[in-house]
Amino acid sequence: MLRLVSIAAFGLLTACAAANDAVDNVAQDQAKTVVNGVVSDKFPGVNAAPVTDCVIEAASASEIISIAGASVTGVTQSTVETVLEIASRPDAVNCIAENSISLFGG
């Protein structure tokens, strides 16, 4: 009986983890759309995708959720400031520098 309960509990935890991963992926996808737009707007001519990836990697979970929310409510000055602040963090700057070859379509 204990084994059956353990298996059921493991199954529920696995299902919860899968559901959380799905939610995280949706939030990241929405946040990427917003960040891509901000980068394209602020840095015309730059390939936004590598910068966007670096910003998302450097963002906290709460920042990703906040940025993703802008895909529904609209991008505000606060959203732009958040994206630019994240992009200026050392981890993001290093990532952007490492990917600089592809920034201008190279």
PDB file of N, CA and C in Angstrom:
ATOM      1  N   MET A   1       0.822  -1.193   0.000  1.00  0.00           N
ATOM      2  CA  MET A   1       0.000   0.000   0.000  1.00  0.00           C
ATOM      3  C   MET A   1       0.872   1.265   0.000  1.00  0.00           C
ATOM      4  N   LEU A   2       1.906   1.241   0.849  1.00  0.00           N
ATOM      5  CA  LEU A   2       2.803   2.397   0.916  1.00  0.00           C
ATOM      6  C   LEU A   2       3.483   2.634  -0.422  1.00  0.00           C
ATOM      7  N   ARG A   3       3.846   1.555  -1.077  1.00  0.00           N
ATOM      8  CA  ARG A   3       4.483   1.671  -2.383  1.00  0.00           C
ATOM      9  C   ARG A   3       3.534   2.312  -3.397  1.00  0.00           C
ATOM     10  N   LEU A   4       2.278   1.922  -3.374  1.00  0.00           N
ATOM     11  CA  LEU A   4       1.274   2.480  -4.280  1.00  0.00           C
ATOM     12  C   LEU A   4       1.092   3.975  -4.030  1.00  0.00           C
ATOM     13  N   VAL A   5       1.050   4.364  -2.752  1.00  0.00           N
ATOM     14  CA  VAL A   5       0.920   5.782  -2.397  1.00  0.00           C
ATOM     15  C   VAL A   5       2.153   6.550  -2.871  1.00  0.00           C
ATOM     16  N   SER A   6       3.331   5.964  -2.694  1.00  0.00           N
ATOM     17  CA  SER A   6       4.564   6.610  -3.136  1.00  0.00           C
ATOM     18  C   SER A   6       4.580   6.813  -4.644  1.00  0.00           C
ATOM     19  N   ILE A   7       4.143   5.805  -5.367  1.00  0.00           N
ATOM     20  CA  ILE A   7       4.096   5.906  -6.829  1.00  0.00           C
ATOM     21  C   ILE A   7       3.098   6.974  -7.256  1.00  0.00           C
ATOM     22  N   ALA A   8       1.938   7.012  -6.602  1.00  0.00           N
ATOM     23  CA  ALA A   8       0.927   8.015  -6.929  1.00  0.00           C
ATOM     24  C   ALA A   8       1.441   9.417  -6.622  1.00  0.00           C
ATOM     25  N   ALA A   9       2.106   9.572  -5.480  1.00  0.00           N
ATOM     26  CA  ALA A   9       2.649  10.883  -5.111  1.00  0.00           C
ATOM     27  C   ALA A   9       3.711  11.328  -6.107  1.00  0.00           C
ATOM     28  N   PHE A  10       4.567  10.399  -6.516  1.00  0.00           N
ATOM     29  CA  PHE A  10       5.593  10.718  -7.511  1.00  0.00           C
ATOM     30  C   PHE A  10       4.941  11.145  -8.827  1.00  0.00           C
ATOM     31  N   GLY A  11       3.888  10.446  -9.217  1.00  0.00           N
ATOM     32  CA  GLY A  11       3.170  10.794 -10.442  1.00  0.00           C
ATOM     33  C   GLY A  11       2.573  12.181 -10.379  1.00  0.00           C
ATOM     34  N   LEU A  12       1.998  12.531  -9.242  1.00  0.00           N
ATOM     35  CA  LEU A  12       1.422  13.874  -9.080  1.00  0.00           C
ATOM     36  C   LEU A  12       2.506  14.950  -9.129  1.00  0.00           C
ATOM     37  N   LEU A  13       3.629  14.693  -8.464  1.00  0.00           N
ATOM     38  CA  LEU A  13       4.727  15.662  -8.486  1.00  0.00           C
ATOM     39  C   LEU A  13       5.274  15.843  -9.890  1.00  0.00           C
ATOM     40  N   THR A  14       5.386  14.761 -10.620  1.00  0.00           N
ATOM     41  CA  THR A  14       5.867  14.830 -11.996  1.00  0.00           C
ATOM     42  C   THR A  14       4.896  15.623 -12.860  1.00  0.00           C
ATOM     43  N   ALA A  15       3.611  15.397 -12.668  1.00  0.00           N
ATOM     44  CA  ALA A  15       2.595  16.138 -13.434  1.00  0.00           C
ATOM     45  C   ALA A  15       2.639  17.622 -13.097  1.00  0.00           C
ATOM     46  N   CYS A  16       2.821  17.937 -11.816  1.00  0.00           N
ATOM     47  CA  CYS A  16       2.913  19.345 -11.412  1.00  0.00           C
ATOM     48  C   CYS A  16       4.147  19.999 -12.022  1.00  0.00           C
ATOM     49  N   ALA A  17       5.258  19.285 -12.010  1.00  0.00           N
ATOM     50  CA  ALA A  17       6.485  19.823 -12.591  1.00  0.00           C
ATOM     51  C   ALA A  17       6.306  20.068 -14.086  1.00  0.00           C
ATOM     52  N   ALA A  18       5.643  19.151 -14.766  1.00  0.00           N
ATOM     53  CA  ALA A  18       5.396  19.315 -16.207  1.00  0.00           C
ATOM     54  C   ALA A  18       4.495  20.513 -16.455  1.00  0.00           C
ATOM     55  N   ALA A  19       3.482  20.683 -15.621  1.00  0.00           N
ATOM     56  CA  ALA A  19       2.573  21.828 -15.774  1.00  0.00           C
ATOM     57  C   ALA A  19       3.323  23.132 -15.531  1.00  0.00           C
ATOM     58  N   ASN A  20       4.177  23.160 -14.499  1.00  0.00           N
ATOM     59  CA  ASN A  20       4.967  24.362 -14.221  1.00  0.00           C
ATOM     60  C   ASN A  20       5.918  24.670 -15.375  1.00  0.00           C
ATOM     61  N   ASP A  21       6.526  23.647 -15.939  1.00  0.00           N
ATOM     62  CA  ASP A  21       7.417  23.853 -17.083  1.00  0.00           C
ATOM     63  C   ASP A  21       6.656  24.445 -18.260  1.00  0.00           C
ATOM     64  N   ALA A  22       5.448  23.964 -18.497  1.00  0.00           N
ATOM     65  CA  ALA A  22       4.629  24.484 -19.600  1.00  0.00           C
ATOM     66  C   ALA A  22       4.306  25.954 -19.378  1.00  0.00           C
ATOM     67  N   VAL A  23       3.947  26.311 -18.144  1.00  0.00           N
ATOM     68  CA  VAL A  23       3.646  27.707 -17.820  1.00  0.00           C
ATOM     69  C   VAL A  23       4.899  28.564 -17.991  1.00  0.00           C
ATOM     70  N   ASP A  24       6.043  28.058 -17.509  1.00  0.00           N
ATOM     71  CA  ASP A  24       7.304  28.790 -17.664  1.00  0.00           C
ATOM     72  C   ASP A  24       7.626  29.023 -19.141  1.00  0.00           C
ATOM     73  N   ASN A  25       7.413  28.015 -19.966  1.00  0.00           N
ATOM     74  CA  ASN A  25       7.697  28.144 -21.397  1.00  0.00           C
ATOM     75  C   ASN A  25       6.796  29.181 -22.058  1.00  0.00           C
ATOM     76  N   VAL A  26       5.523  29.204 -21.683  1.00  0.00           N
ATOM     77  CA  VAL A  26       4.595  30.191 -22.240  1.00  0.00           C
ATOM     78  C   VAL A  26       5.023  31.593 -21.820  1.00  0.00           C
ATOM     79  N   ALA A  27       5.356  31.765 -20.542  1.00  0.00           N
ATOM     80  CA  ALA A  27       5.783  33.079 -20.049  1.00  0.00           C
ATOM     81  C   ALA A  27       7.066  33.519 -20.750  1.00  0.00           C
ATOM     82  N   GLN A  28       8.019  32.603 -20.922  1.00  0.00           N
ATOM     83  CA  GLN A  28       9.263  32.959 -21.607  1.00  0.00           C
ATOM     84  C   GLN A  28       9.006  33.336 -23.057  1.00  0.00           C
ATOM     85  N   ASP A  29       8.140  32.596 -23.730  1.00  0.00           N
ATOM     86  CA  ASP A  29       7.827  32.920 -25.126  1.00  0.00           C
ATOM     87  C   ASP A  29       7.188  34.299 -25.239  1.00  0.00           C
ATOM     88  N   GLN A  30       6.268  34.606 -24.336  1.00  0.00           N
ATOM     89  CA  GLN A  30       5.630  35.926 -24.361  1.00  0.00           C
ATOM     90  C   GLN A  30       6.642  37.020 -24.034  1.00  0.00           C
ATOM     91  N   ALA A  31       7.500  36.754 -23.043  1.00  0.00           N
ATOM     92  CA  ALA A  31       8.516  37.735 -22.679  1.00  0.00           C
ATOM     93  C   ALA A  31       9.496  37.960 -23.827  1.00  0.00           C
ATOM     94  N   LYS A  32       9.863  36.891 -24.531  1.00  0.00           N
ATOM     95  CA  LYS A  32      10.770  37.030 -25.674  1.00  0.00           C
ATOM     96  C   LYS A  32      10.163  37.930 -26.745  1.00  0.00           C
ATOM     97  N   THR A  33       8.876  37.795 -26.975  1.00  0.00           N
ATOM     98  CA  THR A  33       8.207  38.643 -27.968  1.00  0.00           C
ATOM     99  C   THR A  33       8.315  40.113 -27.574  1.00  0.00           C
ATOM    100  N   VAL A  34       8.091  40.395 -26.299  1.00  0.00           N
ATOM    101  CA  VAL A  34       8.166  41.774 -25.808  1.00  0.00           C
ATOM    102  C   VAL A  34       9.594  42.291 -25.890  1.00  0.00           C
ATOM    103  N   VAL A  35      10.550  41.504 -25.381  1.00  0.00           N
ATOM    104  CA  VAL A  35      11.957  41.930 -25.385  1.00  0.00           C
ATOM    105  C   VAL A  35      12.436  42.142 -26.819  1.00  0.00           C
ATOM    106  N   ASN A  36      12.067  41.258 -27.711  1.00  0.00           N
ATOM    107  CA  ASN A  36      12.455  41.396 -29.121  1.00  0.00           C
ATOM    108  C   ASN A  36      11.979  42.736 -29.677  1.00  0.00           C
ATOM    109  N   GLY A  37      10.756  43.095 -29.359  1.00  0.00           N
ATOM    110  CA  GLY A  37      10.209  44.371 -29.817  1.00  0.00           C
ATOM    111  C   GLY A  37      10.954  45.561 -29.238  1.00  0.00           C
ATOM    112  N   VAL A  38      11.269  45.492 -27.952  1.00  0.00           N
ATOM    113  CA  VAL A  38      12.008  46.584 -27.302  1.00  0.00           C
ATOM    114  C   VAL A  38      13.400  46.718 -27.911  1.00  0.00           C
ATOM    115  N   VAL A  39      14.092  45.611 -28.085  1.00  0.00           N
ATOM    116  CA  VAL A  39      15.445  45.652 -28.657  1.00  0.00           C
ATOM    117  C   VAL A  39      15.396  46.195 -30.086  1.00  0.00           C
ATOM    118  N   SER A  40      14.438  45.721 -30.865  1.00  0.00           N
ATOM    119  CA  SER A  40      14.312  46.201 -32.254  1.00  0.00           C
ATOM    120  C   SER A  40      14.034  47.698 -32.302  1.00  0.00           C
ATOM    121  N   ASP A  41      13.216  48.158 -31.366  1.00  0.00           N
ATOM    122  CA  ASP A  41      12.862  49.577 -31.326  1.00  0.00           C
ATOM    123  C   ASP A  41      14.038  50.439 -30.871  1.00  0.00           C
ATOM    124  N   LYS A  42      14.743  49.989 -29.843  1.00  0.00           N
ATOM    125  CA  LYS A  42      15.829  50.786 -29.272  1.00  0.00           C
ATOM    126  C   LYS A  42      17.143  50.672 -30.039  1.00  0.00           C
ATOM    127  N   PHE A  43      17.319  49.565 -30.761  1.00  0.00           N
ATOM    128  CA  PHE A  43      18.575  49.331 -31.490  1.00  0.00           C
ATOM    129  C   PHE A  43      18.274  48.880 -32.913  1.00  0.00           C
ATOM    130  N   PRO A  44      17.730  49.780 -33.740  1.00  0.00           N
ATOM    131  CA  PRO A  44      17.378  49.400 -35.108  1.00  0.00           C
ATOM    132  C   PRO A  44      18.598  48.889 -35.873  1.00  0.00           C
ATOM    133  N   GLY A  45      18.389  47.868 -36.682  1.00  0.00           N
ATOM    134  CA  GLY A  45      19.464  47.295 -37.477  1.00  0.00           C
ATOM    135  C   GLY A  45      20.215  46.180 -36.775  1.00  0.00           C
ATOM    136  N   VAL A  46      19.969  46.015 -35.475  1.00  0.00           N
ATOM    137  CA  VAL A  46      20.621  44.950 -34.708  1.00  0.00           C
ATOM    138  C   VAL A  46      19.745  43.708 -34.770  1.00  0.00           C
ATOM    139  N   ASN A  47      20.366  42.546 -34.951  1.00  0.00           N
ATOM    140  CA  ASN A  47      19.637  41.286 -34.890  1.00  0.00           C
ATOM    141  C   ASN A  47      19.196  41.102 -33.443  1.00  0.00           C
ATOM    142  N   ALA A  48      17.913  41.272 -33.182  1.00  0.00           N
ATOM    143  CA  ALA A  48      17.397  41.291 -31.814  1.00  0.00           C
ATOM    144  C   ALA A  48      17.409  39.922 -31.136  1.00  0.00           C
ATOM    145  N   ALA A  49      17.331  38.854 -31.902  1.00  0.00           N
ATOM    146  CA  ALA A  49      17.184  37.511 -31.315  1.00  0.00           C
ATOM    147  C   ALA A  49      18.296  37.156 -30.314  1.00  0.00           C
ATOM    148  N   PRO A  50      19.579  37.339 -30.654  1.00  0.00           N
ATOM    149  CA  PRO A  50      20.614  36.982 -29.671  1.00  0.00           C
ATOM    150  C   PRO A  50      20.562  37.857 -28.418  1.00  0.00           C
ATOM    151  N   VAL A  51      20.251  39.134 -28.582  1.00  0.00           N
ATOM    152  CA  VAL A  51      20.141  40.033 -27.433  1.00  0.00           C
ATOM    153  C   VAL A  51      18.965  39.600 -26.570  1.00  0.00           C
ATOM    154  N   THR A  52      17.849  39.286 -27.220  1.00  0.00           N
ATOM    155  CA  THR A  52      16.661  38.835 -26.500  1.00  0.00           C
ATOM    156  C   THR A  52      16.965  37.593 -25.674  1.00  0.00           C
ATOM    157  N   ASP A  53      17.644  36.629 -26.267  1.00  0.00           N
ATOM    158  CA  ASP A  53      17.997  35.408 -25.539  1.00  0.00           C
ATOM    159  C   ASP A  53      18.854  35.728 -24.318  1.00  0.00           C
ATOM    160  N   CYS A  54      19.801  36.639 -24.463  1.00  0.00           N
ATOM    161  CA  CYS A  54      20.668  37.012 -23.348  1.00  0.00           C
ATOM    162  C   CYS A  54      19.877  37.715 -22.240  1.00  0.00           C
ATOM    163  N   VAL A  55      18.954  38.570 -22.625  1.00  0.00           N
ATOM    164  CA  VAL A  55      18.130  39.266 -21.635  1.00  0.00           C
ATOM    165  C   VAL A  55      17.266  38.271 -20.872  1.00  0.00           C
ATOM    166  N   ILE A  56      16.646  37.352 -21.580  1.00  0.00           N
ATOM    167  CA  ILE A  56      15.793  36.352 -20.927  1.00  0.00           C
ATOM    168  C   ILE A  56      16.622  35.494 -19.976  1.00  0.00           C
ATOM    169  N   GLU A  57      17.822  35.103 -20.387  1.00  0.00           N
ATOM    170  CA  GLU A  57      18.687  34.290 -19.527  1.00  0.00           C
ATOM    171  C   GLU A  57      19.091  35.034 -18.264  1.00  0.00           C
ATOM    172  N   ALA A  58      19.254  36.349 -18.353  1.00  0.00           N
ATOM    173  CA  ALA A  58      19.696  37.145 -17.207  1.00  0.00           C
ATOM    174  C   ALA A  58      18.545  37.608 -16.315  1.00  0.00           C
ATOM    175  N   ALA A  59      17.320  37.440 -16.783  1.00  0.00           N
ATOM    176  CA  ALA A  59      16.146  37.907 -16.031  1.00  0.00           C
ATOM    177  C   ALA A  59      15.749  36.903 -14.955  1.00  0.00           C
ATOM    178  N   SER A  60      15.177  37.433 -13.879  1.00  0.00           N
ATOM    179  CA  SER A  60      14.623  36.565 -12.837  1.00  0.00           C
ATOM    180  C   SER A  60      13.249  36.075 -13.288  1.00  0.00           C
ATOM    181  N   ALA A  61      12.735  35.092 -12.596  1.00  0.00           N
ATOM    182  CA  ALA A  61      11.411  34.554 -12.924  1.00  0.00           C
ATOM    183  C   ALA A  61      10.341  35.642 -12.807  1.00  0.00           C
ATOM    184  N   SER A  62      10.423  36.460 -11.780  1.00  0.00           N
ATOM    185  CA  SER A  62       9.411  37.514 -11.620  1.00  0.00           C
ATOM    186  C   SER A  62       9.528  38.576 -12.715  1.00  0.00           C
ATOM    187  N   GLU A  63      10.747  38.849 -13.160  1.00  0.00           N
ATOM    188  CA  GLU A  63      10.921  39.807 -14.259  1.00  0.00           C
ATOM    189  C   GLU A  63      10.355  39.236 -15.553  1.00  0.00           C
ATOM    190  N   ILE A  64      10.569  37.956 -15.789  1.00  0.00           N
ATOM    191  CA  ILE A  64      10.016  37.326 -16.988  1.00  0.00           C
ATOM    192  C   ILE A  64       8.503  37.404 -16.979  1.00  0.00           C
ATOM    193  N   ILE A  65       7.898  37.124 -15.845  1.00  0.00           N
ATOM    194  CA  ILE A  65       6.437  37.194 -15.740  1.00  0.00           C
ATOM    195  C   ILE A  65       5.952  38.624 -15.960  1.00  0.00           C
ATOM    196  N   SER A  66       6.654  39.583 -15.374  1.00  0.00           N
ATOM    197  CA  SER A  66       6.279  40.989 -15.547  1.00  0.00           C
ATOM    198  C   SER A  66       6.383  41.410 -17.013  1.00  0.00           C
ATOM    199  N   ILE A  67       7.477  41.047 -17.658  1.00  0.00           N
ATOM    200  CA  ILE A  67       7.662  41.392 -19.070  1.00  0.00           C
ATOM    201  C   ILE A  67       6.630  40.674 -19.928  1.00  0.00           C
ATOM    202  N   ALA A  68       6.377  39.420 -19.625  1.00  0.00           N
ATOM    203  CA  ALA A  68       5.377  38.658 -20.384  1.00  0.00           C
ATOM    204  C   ALA A  68       4.002  39.307 -20.280  1.00  0.00           C
ATOM    205  N   GLY A  69       3.703  39.869 -19.128  1.00  0.00           N
ATOM    206  CA  GLY A  69       2.420  40.550 -18.946  1.00  0.00           C
ATOM    207  C   GLY A  69       2.232  41.702 -19.917  1.00  0.00           C
ATOM    208  N   ALA A  70       3.335  42.315 -20.312  1.00  0.00           N
ATOM    209  CA  ALA A  70       3.261  43.430 -21.260  1.00  0.00           C
ATOM    210  C   ALA A  70       2.795  42.974 -22.631  1.00  0.00           C
ATOM    211  N   SER A  71       2.879  41.684 -22.916  1.00  0.00           N
ATOM    212  CA  SER A  71       2.372  41.187 -24.198  1.00  0.00           C
ATOM    213  C   SER A  71       0.847  41.261 -24.244  1.00  0.00           C
ATOM    214  N   VAL A  72       0.232  41.359 -23.068  1.00  0.00           N
ATOM    215  CA  VAL A  72      -1.229  41.469 -22.984  1.00  0.00           C
ATOM    216  C   VAL A  72      -1.652  42.914 -22.726  1.00  0.00           C
ATOM    217  N   THR A  73      -0.974  43.566 -21.780  1.00  0.00           N
ATOM    218  CA  THR A  73      -1.376  44.912 -21.368  1.00  0.00           C
ATOM    219  C   THR A  73      -0.750  46.017 -22.196  1.00  0.00           C
ATOM    220  N   GLY A  74       0.314  45.691 -22.914  1.00  0.00           N
ATOM    221  CA  GLY A  74       1.012  46.693 -23.708  1.00  0.00           C
ATOM    222  C   GLY A  74       2.336  47.074 -23.066  1.00  0.00           C
ATOM    223  N   VAL A  75       3.294  47.398 -23.895  1.00  0.00           N
ATOM    224  CA  VAL A  75       4.626  47.771 -23.423  1.00  0.00           C
ATOM    225  C   VAL A  75       4.576  49.208 -22.921  1.00  0.00           C
ATOM    226  N   THR A  76       5.032  49.384 -21.687  1.00  0.00           N
ATOM    227  CA  THR A  76       5.086  50.709 -21.073  1.00  0.00           C
ATOM    228  C   THR A  76       6.546  51.145 -20.949  1.00  0.00           C
ATOM    229  N   GLN A  77       6.739  52.372 -20.532  1.00  0.00           N
ATOM    230  CA  GLN A  77       8.102  52.854 -20.290  1.00  0.00           C
ATOM    231  C   GLN A  77       8.770  52.009 -19.213  1.00  0.00           C
ATOM    232  N   SER A  78       8.008  51.579 -18.232  1.00  0.00           N
ATOM    233  CA  SER A  78       8.537  50.721 -17.173  1.00  0.00           C
ATOM    234  C   SER A  78       9.047  49.394 -17.737  1.00  0.00           C
ATOM    235  N   THR A  79       8.311  48.841 -18.694  1.00  0.00           N
ATOM    236  CA  THR A  79       8.733  47.597 -19.342  1.00  0.00           C
ATOM    237  C   THR A  79      10.054  47.815 -20.063  1.00  0.00           C
ATOM    238  N   VAL A  80      10.150  48.902 -20.815  1.00  0.00           N
ATOM    239  CA  VAL A  80      11.380  49.220 -21.561  1.00  0.00           C
ATOM    240  C   VAL A  80      12.551  49.381 -20.588  1.00  0.00           C
ATOM    241  N   GLU A  81      12.320  50.099 -19.492  1.00  0.00           N
ATOM    242  CA  GLU A  81      13.381  50.306 -18.502  1.00  0.00           C
ATOM    243  C   GLU A  81      13.827  48.985 -17.885  1.00  0.00           C
ATOM    244  N   THR A  82      12.883  48.094 -17.620  1.00  0.00           N
ATOM    245  CA  THR A  82      13.227  46.780 -17.064  1.00  0.00           C
ATOM    246  C   THR A  82      14.096  46.000 -18.037  1.00  0.00           C
ATOM    247  N   VAL A  83      13.703  45.979 -19.306  1.00  0.00           N
ATOM    248  CA  VAL A  83      14.469  45.254 -20.319  1.00  0.00           C
ATOM    249  C   VAL A  83      15.878  45.836 -20.430  1.00  0.00           C
ATOM    250  N   LEU A  84      15.994  47.143 -20.480  1.00  0.00           N
ATOM    251  CA  LEU A  84      17.308  47.779 -20.611  1.00  0.00           C
ATOM    252  C   LEU A  84      18.165  47.566 -19.364  1.00  0.00           C
ATOM    253  N   GLU A  85      17.531  47.556 -18.196  1.00  0.00           N
ATOM    254  CA  GLU A  85      18.266  47.315 -16.955  1.00  0.00           C
ATOM    255  C   GLU A  85      18.818  45.889 -16.940  1.00  0.00           C
ATOM    256  N   ILE A  86      17.999  44.930 -17.338  1.00  0.00           N
ATOM    257  CA  ILE A  86      18.457  43.533 -17.396  1.00  0.00           C
ATOM    258  C   ILE A  86      19.591  43.405 -18.411  1.00  0.00           C
ATOM    259  N   ALA A  87      19.445  44.063 -19.558  1.00  0.00           N
ATOM    260  CA  ALA A  87      20.461  43.985 -20.617  1.00  0.00           C
ATOM    261  C   ALA A  87      21.795  44.577 -20.180  1.00  0.00           C
ATOM    262  N   SER A  88      21.775  45.445 -19.183  1.00  0.00           N
ATOM    263  CA  SER A  88      23.016  46.076 -18.729  1.00  0.00           C
ATOM    264  C   SER A  88      23.710  45.293 -17.617  1.00  0.00           C
ATOM    265  N   ARG A  89      23.113  44.207 -17.152  1.00  0.00           N
ATOM    266  CA  ARG A  89      23.741  43.381 -16.114  1.00  0.00           C
ATOM    267  C   ARG A  89      24.970  42.676 -16.686  1.00  0.00           C
ATOM    268  N   PRO A  90      25.976  42.443 -15.842  1.00  0.00           N
ATOM    269  CA  PRO A  90      27.209  41.805 -16.330  1.00  0.00           C
ATOM    270  C   PRO A  90      26.979  40.495 -17.081  1.00  0.00           C
ATOM    271  N   ASP A  91      26.096  39.633 -16.577  1.00  0.00           N
ATOM    272  CA  ASP A  91      25.845  38.364 -17.272  1.00  0.00           C
ATOM    273  C   ASP A  91      25.271  38.594 -18.656  1.00  0.00           C
ATOM    274  N   ALA A  92      24.337  39.538 -18.761  1.00  0.00           N
ATOM    275  CA  ALA A  92      23.735  39.832 -20.059  1.00  0.00           C
ATOM    276  C   ALA A  92      24.742  40.483 -20.993  1.00  0.00           C
ATOM    277  N   VAL A  93      25.530  41.418 -20.474  1.00  0.00           N
ATOM    278  CA  VAL A  93      26.537  42.098 -21.289  1.00  0.00           C
ATOM    279  C   VAL A  93      27.540  41.089 -21.845  1.00  0.00           C
ATOM    280  N   ASN A  94      27.993  40.172 -20.993  1.00  0.00           N
ATOM    281  CA  ASN A  94      28.933  39.145 -21.455  1.00  0.00           C
ATOM    282  C   ASN A  94      28.303  38.262 -22.523  1.00  0.00           C
ATOM    283  N   CYS A  95      27.068  37.872 -22.302  1.00  0.00           N
ATOM    284  CA  CYS A  95      26.358  37.039 -23.272  1.00  0.00           C
ATOM    285  C   CYS A  95      26.210  37.768 -24.600  1.00  0.00           C
ATOM    286  N   ILE A  96      25.823  39.033 -24.536  1.00  0.00           N
ATOM    287  CA  ILE A  96      25.653  39.827 -25.759  1.00  0.00           C
ATOM    288  C   ILE A  96      26.989  39.959 -26.491  1.00  0.00           C
ATOM    289  N   ALA A  97      28.053  40.200 -25.732  1.00  0.00           N
ATOM    290  CA  ALA A  97      29.383  40.325 -26.348  1.00  0.00           C
ATOM    291  C   ALA A  97      29.806  39.017 -27.016  1.00  0.00           C
ATOM    292  N   GLU A  98      29.520  37.887 -26.366  1.00  0.00           N
ATOM    293  CA  GLU A  98      29.876  36.588 -26.928  1.00  0.00           C
ATOM    294  C   GLU A  98      29.101  36.308 -28.205  1.00  0.00           C
ATOM    295  N   ASN A  99      27.908  36.882 -28.311  1.00  0.00           N
ATOM    296  CA  ASN A  99      27.068  36.647 -29.491  1.00  0.00           C
ATOM    297  C   ASN A  99      27.103  37.817 -30.466  1.00  0.00           C
ATOM    298  N   SER A 100      28.061  38.727 -30.296  1.00  0.00           N
ATOM    299  CA  SER A 100      28.077  39.955 -31.097  1.00  0.00           C
ATOM    300  C   SER A 100      28.263  39.700 -32.584  1.00  0.00           C
ATOM    301  N   ILE A 101      28.875  38.592 -32.970  1.00  0.00           N
ATOM    302  CA  ILE A 101      29.072  38.305 -34.393  1.00  0.00           C
ATOM    303  C   ILE A 101      27.739  38.223 -35.125  1.00  0.00           C
ATOM    304  N   SER A 102      26.721  37.694 -34.451  1.00  0.00           N
ATOM    305  CA  SER A 102      25.430  37.523 -35.106  1.00  0.00           C
ATOM    306  C   SER A 102      24.505  38.727 -34.932  1.00  0.00           C
ATOM    307  N   LEU A 103      24.930  39.743 -34.182  1.00  0.00           N
ATOM    308  CA  LEU A 103      24.055  40.876 -33.936  1.00  0.00           C
ATOM    309  C   LEU A 103      23.722  41.679 -35.193  1.00  0.00           C
ATOM    310  N   PHE A 104      24.651  41.748 -36.108  1.00  0.00           N
ATOM    311  CA  PHE A 104      24.422  42.530 -37.314  1.00  0.00           C
ATOM    312  C   PHE A 104      24.196  41.627 -38.519  1.00  0.00           C
ATOM    313  N   GLY A 105      23.639  40.452 -38.225  1.00  0.00           N
ATOM    314  CA  GLY A 105      23.290  39.528 -39.284  1.00  0.00           C
ATOM    315  C   GLY A 105      24.464  38.738 -39.814  1.00  0.00           C
ATOM    316  N   GLY A 106      25.604  38.753 -39.106  1.00  0.00           N
ATOM    317  CA  GLY A 106      26.809  38.071 -39.558  1.00  0.00           C
ATOM    318  C   GLY A 106      26.910  36.635 -39.140  1.00  0.00           C
TER     319      GLY A 106
END
